[in-house]
Protein backbone atom coordinates (compact mmCIF):
# COMPACT_ATOMS: atom_id res chain seq x y z
CA UNK A 1 15.67 3.69 22.07
CA UNK A 2 17.73 0.94 21.22
CA UNK A 3 18.19 -0.91 17.63
CA UNK A 4 16.32 -3.96 18.82
CA UNK A 5 13.57 -1.98 20.44
CA UNK A 6 13.09 -0.24 17.19
CA UNK A 7 12.52 -3.63 14.98
CA UNK A 8 10.40 -5.11 17.08
CA UNK A 9 8.44 -1.59 17.37
CA UNK A 10 8.10 -1.28 13.30
CA UNK A 11 7.51 -5.10 12.87
CA UNK A 12 4.22 -4.49 15.29
CA UNK A 13 1.77 -2.39 13.03
CA UNK A 14 0.84 -0.20 10.32
CA UNK A 15 0.77 3.12 12.73
CA UNK A 16 4.59 2.12 13.63
CA UNK A 17 5.55 1.96 10.67
CA UNK A 18 4.15 4.96 9.75
CA UNK A 19 5.75 6.71 12.36
CA UNK A 20 9.04 5.14 11.18
CA UNK A 21 9.23 6.13 7.58
CA UNK A 22 7.75 9.61 8.83
CA UNK A 23 11.40 10.02 10.31
CA UNK A 24 13.06 10.20 6.74
CA UNK A 25 12.47 13.42 4.52
CA UNK A 26 12.67 11.74 1.36
CA UNK A 27 9.78 9.55 2.11
CA UNK A 28 7.66 11.66 4.55
CA UNK A 29 6.26 13.84 1.65
CA UNK A 30 4.45 10.98 0.16
CA UNK A 31 2.87 9.42 3.42
CA UNK A 32 -0.76 10.87 3.77
CA UNK A 33 -1.91 12.05 6.82
CA UNK A 34 -2.34 9.35 9.49
CA UNK A 35 -3.37 8.77 13.06
CA UNK A 36 -3.87 5.76 15.65
CA UNK A 37 -7.77 5.79 15.45
CA UNK A 38 -9.78 6.60 18.17
CA UNK A 39 -13.46 7.68 17.67
CA UNK A 40 -13.02 11.40 18.69
CA UNK A 41 -10.85 11.50 15.29
CA UNK A 42 -13.77 11.04 13.30
CA UNK A 43 -15.38 14.17 13.10
CA UNK A 44 -12.43 16.36 12.33
CA UNK A 45 -10.73 13.76 9.80
CA UNK A 46 -13.88 13.72 7.81
CA UNK A 47 -14.60 17.53 8.00
CA UNK A 48 -11.16 18.01 6.70
CA UNK A 49 -10.79 15.04 3.94
CA UNK A 50 -14.67 13.85 3.55
CA UNK A 51 -13.34 10.30 2.80
CA UNK A 52 -11.00 8.37 5.28
CA UNK A 53 -9.90 4.60 5.87
CA UNK A 54 -9.55 2.65 8.70
CA UNK A 55 -7.25 0.01 8.98
CA UNK A 56 -6.64 -2.53 11.24
CA UNK A 57 -3.00 -2.07 12.31
CA UNK A 58 -1.81 -5.76 12.10
CA UNK A 59 -3.60 -7.26 9.31
CA UNK A 60 -2.90 -7.71 5.70
CA UNK A 61 -4.32 -8.32 2.32
CA UNK A 62 -6.67 -5.38 3.00
CA UNK A 63 -8.60 -7.73 5.58
CA UNK A 64 -11.06 -5.36 7.63
CA UNK A 65 -10.47 -2.01 5.85
CA UNK A 66 -13.07 0.66 6.01
CA UNK A 67 -13.85 3.44 3.84
CA UNK A 68 -15.83 6.01 5.58
CA UNK A 69 -17.10 9.18 3.99
CA UNK A 70 -19.36 12.20 4.94
CA UNK A 71 -22.41 12.58 2.32
CA UNK A 72 -25.23 15.44 2.02
CA UNK A 73 -27.48 13.64 4.58
CA UNK A 74 -25.30 11.93 6.67
CA UNK A 75 -22.40 9.48 6.44
CA UNK A 76 -21.73 5.87 5.04
CA UNK A 77 -18.96 3.28 5.40
CA UNK A 78 -18.15 -0.09 3.54
CA UNK A 79 -15.89 -2.86 5.04
CA UNK A 80 -13.80 -4.36 2.32
CA UNK A 81 -16.41 -4.68 -0.23
CA UNK A 82 -20.20 -4.58 -0.94
CA UNK A 83 -22.85 -2.15 -0.35
CA UNK A 84 -22.20 0.89 2.08
CA UNK A 85 -23.92 1.03 5.48
CA UNK A 86 -25.94 4.51 5.30
CA UNK A 87 -26.39 6.24 9.05
CA UNK A 88 -27.85 9.80 9.68
CA UNK A 89 -25.43 11.08 12.65
CA UNK A 90 -22.26 10.72 13.66
CA UNK A 91 -23.04 9.22 17.11
CA UNK A 92 -24.60 6.19 15.21
CA UNK A 93 -21.57 5.96 12.78
CA UNK A 94 -19.37 5.64 15.57
CA UNK A 95 -21.91 3.05 17.17
CA UNK A 96 -21.64 1.14 14.19
CA UNK A 97 -17.77 1.42 13.49
CA UNK A 98 -17.38 0.20 17.20
CA UNK A 99 -19.06 -3.00 16.25
CA UNK A 100 -17.06 -3.46 13.11
CA UNK A 101 -13.76 -2.64 14.78
CA UNK A 102 -12.89 -6.60 15.69
CA UNK A 103 -9.28 -5.95 15.91
CA UNK A 104 -7.46 -4.49 19.11
CA UNK A 105 -5.68 -1.11 17.24
CA UNK A 106 -6.77 0.70 14.04
CA UNK A 107 -5.14 3.63 11.99
CA UNK A 108 -7.43 6.43 10.50
CA UNK A 109 -6.08 7.91 7.18
CA UNK A 110 -6.89 10.34 4.89
CA UNK A 111 -8.96 9.30 1.76
CA UNK A 112 -6.83 9.33 -1.54
CA UNK A 113 -9.36 10.28 -4.77
CA UNK A 114 -7.64 7.31 -6.63
CA UNK A 115 -7.10 7.21 -10.24
CA UNK A 116 -9.60 4.91 -12.13
CA UNK A 117 -9.54 2.62 -14.84
CA UNK A 118 -12.93 1.76 -16.48
CA UNK A 119 -14.54 3.06 -13.07
CA UNK A 120 -12.50 1.15 -10.54
CA UNK A 121 -9.84 2.46 -8.56
CA UNK A 122 -6.60 1.35 -8.68
CA UNK A 123 -3.13 1.64 -6.88
CA UNK A 124 0.36 0.46 -7.96
CA UNK A 125 2.90 -2.31 -6.66
CA UNK A 126 6.59 -1.88 -6.92
CA UNK A 127 8.51 -4.91 -5.97
CA UNK A 128 12.02 -4.73 -4.81
CA UNK A 129 14.15 -7.62 -4.07
CA UNK A 130 17.88 -8.59 -2.96
CA UNK A 131 20.07 -9.61 -5.56
CA UNK A 132 22.94 -12.27 -5.20
CA UNK A 133 25.17 -9.71 -4.16
CA UNK A 134 22.50 -8.79 -1.23
CA UNK A 135 21.99 -5.38 -2.94
CA UNK A 136 18.45 -4.04 -3.44
CA UNK A 137 17.15 -4.15 -6.94
CA UNK A 138 14.00 -3.31 -8.82
CA UNK A 139 12.36 -6.32 -9.95
CA UNK A 140 8.81 -5.08 -11.51
CA UNK A 141 5.73 -2.86 -10.98
CA UNK A 142 2.32 -3.22 -11.66
CA UNK A 143 -1.44 -1.64 -11.12
CA UNK A 144 -3.73 -3.47 -8.80
CA UNK A 145 -7.71 -2.49 -10.07
CA UNK A 146 -10.09 -3.08 -7.19
CA UNK A 147 -12.93 -5.13 -7.65
CA UNK A 148 -16.72 -4.18 -9.10
CA UNK A 149 -17.94 -3.43 -5.25
CA UNK A 150 -14.59 -3.47 -3.32
CA UNK A 151 -12.76 -0.71 -1.39
CA UNK A 152 -9.61 -2.38 -1.22
CA UNK A 153 -7.42 -3.48 -4.37
CA UNK A 154 -5.84 -6.42 -3.14
CA UNK A 155 -6.69 -8.51 -5.91
CA UNK A 156 -7.45 -12.03 -4.01
CA UNK A 157 -9.15 -10.50 -1.30
CA UNK A 158 -10.74 -7.58 -3.42
CA UNK A 159 -11.85 -9.71 -6.80
CA UNK A 160 -10.00 -7.29 -8.87
CA UNK A 161 -7.22 -7.72 -11.34
CA UNK A 162 -3.45 -6.79 -12.52
CA UNK A 163 -2.52 -4.76 -15.13
CA UNK A 164 0.95 -3.06 -16.49
CA UNK A 165 1.51 0.26 -15.06
CA UNK A 166 1.87 2.31 -18.39
CA UNK A 167 -1.32 0.57 -19.49
CA UNK A 168 -3.13 1.80 -16.04
CA UNK A 169 -1.65 5.41 -16.04
CA UNK A 170 -2.17 5.82 -19.61
CA UNK A 171 -5.96 4.55 -19.79
CA UNK A 172 -7.12 6.50 -16.61
CA UNK A 173 -5.56 9.44 -17.81
CA UNK A 174 -3.78 10.08 -14.58
CA UNK A 175 -1.20 11.60 -15.98
CA UNK A 176 0.00 13.11 -19.58
CA UNK A 177 1.39 10.25 -22.06
CA UNK A 178 4.72 12.23 -21.86
CA UNK A 179 4.83 12.11 -18.29
CA UNK A 180 4.41 8.41 -17.80
CA UNK A 181 8.02 7.38 -18.07
CA UNK A 182 8.99 10.05 -15.47
CA UNK A 183 6.46 8.77 -13.16
CA UNK A 184 7.78 5.41 -13.52
CA UNK A 185 11.28 6.40 -12.90
CA UNK A 186 9.91 8.48 -9.90
CA UNK A 187 8.23 5.08 -8.46
CA UNK A 188 11.46 3.35 -8.65
CA UNK A 189 13.82 5.87 -7.22
CA UNK A 190 11.09 6.34 -4.03
CA UNK A 191 10.97 2.63 -3.53
CA UNK A 192 14.92 2.55 -3.37
CA UNK A 193 14.72 5.01 -0.52
CA UNK A 194 11.83 2.91 1.17
CA UNK A 195 14.33 0.33 1.18
CA UNK A 196 17.50 2.29 2.05
CA UNK A 197 15.57 3.52 5.11
CA UNK A 198 14.12 0.40 6.20
CA UNK A 199 17.74 -1.08 5.97
CA UNK A 200 18.46 0.90 9.13
CA UNK A 201 16.58 -1.30 11.65
CA UNK A 202 15.42 -4.46 10.09
CA UNK A 203 16.45 -6.96 7.32
CA UNK A 204 14.47 -7.97 4.55
CA UNK A 205 15.12 -9.81 1.44
CA UNK A 206 11.92 -8.34 -0.34
CA UNK A 207 9.54 -5.42 0.15
CA UNK A 208 6.69 -4.30 -2.09
CA UNK A 209 5.82 -0.76 -1.99
CA UNK A 210 1.95 0.25 -2.54
CA UNK A 211 1.91 3.40 -4.21
CA UNK A 212 -1.63 5.40 -4.71
CA UNK A 213 -2.23 7.70 -7.36
CA UNK A 214 -4.65 10.60 -7.59
CA UNK A 215 -6.61 11.51 -10.48
CA UNK A 216 -4.31 14.33 -10.03
CA UNK A 217 -1.36 12.53 -10.92
CA UNK A 218 0.08 12.87 -7.37
CA UNK A 219 1.82 9.76 -5.69
CA UNK A 220 1.14 8.81 -1.98
CA UNK A 221 2.67 5.51 -0.23
CA UNK A 222 -0.27 3.35 0.97
CA UNK A 223 1.38 0.34 2.58
CA UNK A 224 5.23 -1.53 2.82
CA UNK A 225 4.80 -4.99 2.53
CA UNK A 226 8.07 -6.25 3.74
CA UNK A 227 7.73 -10.01 4.89
CA UNK A 228 6.29 -11.80 2.15
CA UNK A 229 4.70 -9.46 -0.71
CA UNK A 230 3.06 -11.84 -3.37
CA UNK A 231 5.11 -13.33 -6.33
CA UNK A 232 2.15 -14.90 -7.86
CA UNK A 233 0.35 -11.13 -8.42
CA UNK A 234 2.99 -10.52 -11.09
CA UNK A 235 2.17 -13.86 -12.65
CA UNK A 236 -1.46 -12.63 -13.34
CA UNK A 237 0.02 -10.25 -16.03
CA UNK A 238 0.19 -11.26 -19.79
CA UNK A 239 3.92 -10.70 -20.16
CA UNK A 240 5.80 -12.79 -17.25
CA UNK A 241 9.30 -10.88 -17.56
CA UNK A 242 8.58 -9.24 -14.13
CA UNK A 243 7.70 -12.73 -12.51
CA UNK A 244 10.66 -14.48 -14.14
CA UNK A 245 12.76 -11.60 -12.72
CA UNK A 246 11.63 -11.76 -9.23
CA UNK A 247 11.80 -15.57 -8.99
CA UNK A 248 15.35 -15.24 -10.87
CA UNK A 249 16.39 -12.65 -7.82
CA UNK A 250 14.63 -14.70 -5.20
CA UNK A 251 16.64 -17.54 -6.36
CA UNK A 252 19.91 -15.87 -6.34
CA UNK A 253 19.82 -14.45 -2.95
CA UNK A 254 18.31 -17.46 -1.43
CA UNK A 255 21.73 -19.05 -2.65
CA UNK A 256 24.27 -16.64 -2.35
CA UNK A 257 25.55 -18.53 0.71
CA UNK A 258 26.23 -21.74 -1.26
CA UNK A 259 28.30 -20.01 -4.37
CA UNK A 260 30.26 -18.28 -1.57
CA UNK A 261 31.25 -21.78 -0.18
CA UNK A 262 32.08 -23.09 -3.41
CA UNK A 263 34.58 -20.17 -4.04
CA UNK A 264 36.38 -20.82 -1.14
């Protein structure tokens, strides 16, 4: 496979990105079990993990994501947010999901038992930016808390809110207080590795890495946002330091060519 073919491939879907990042021994351990969705996979996935997520391969902002889980008397699912739809049999579940799957392709992924803040699950966004020298630099991180009836943590779409990562880790008791700095350092370190691996086949000026942290304190990579990860999300924090850093780095990188010309 040629470089250009890989570039086109990884830009096409969540499934292709999963395959791409699975090639890195540094990133692979952080990827939850994932397959290209087909109805036949529902039974083995639910038998093994109880809860799974079914996600459109080409949508963003949590659009179309479904959480499916096995219960004592059947199954239930929620698409984005709202009351769960309950069904008694696997056959009925497949029929219901077929009506909900309006996109061409989906992935099926192990459901993670996310840490919760005040009863709501959250994940962590780490923002990486290229600086004025074109080098990757850590710009900030925050925790995205799901809305009251939402299965997605996208703040705009799911009705949630943003808080600092130390606050979320501390209040949720996902990790011991003395381990918080260590977890933050690991989030940054893994994000640098994501950017370094991504460099091999496609150029991007900014990457937002979404991490899950489960109730046992284990980290997983949910998604890598490489086109236009939200800057405004960081403006929702009371402290605007990260937001200002992101805007500064964005300006530096955008205007690096103008500075070069002035120095000639």
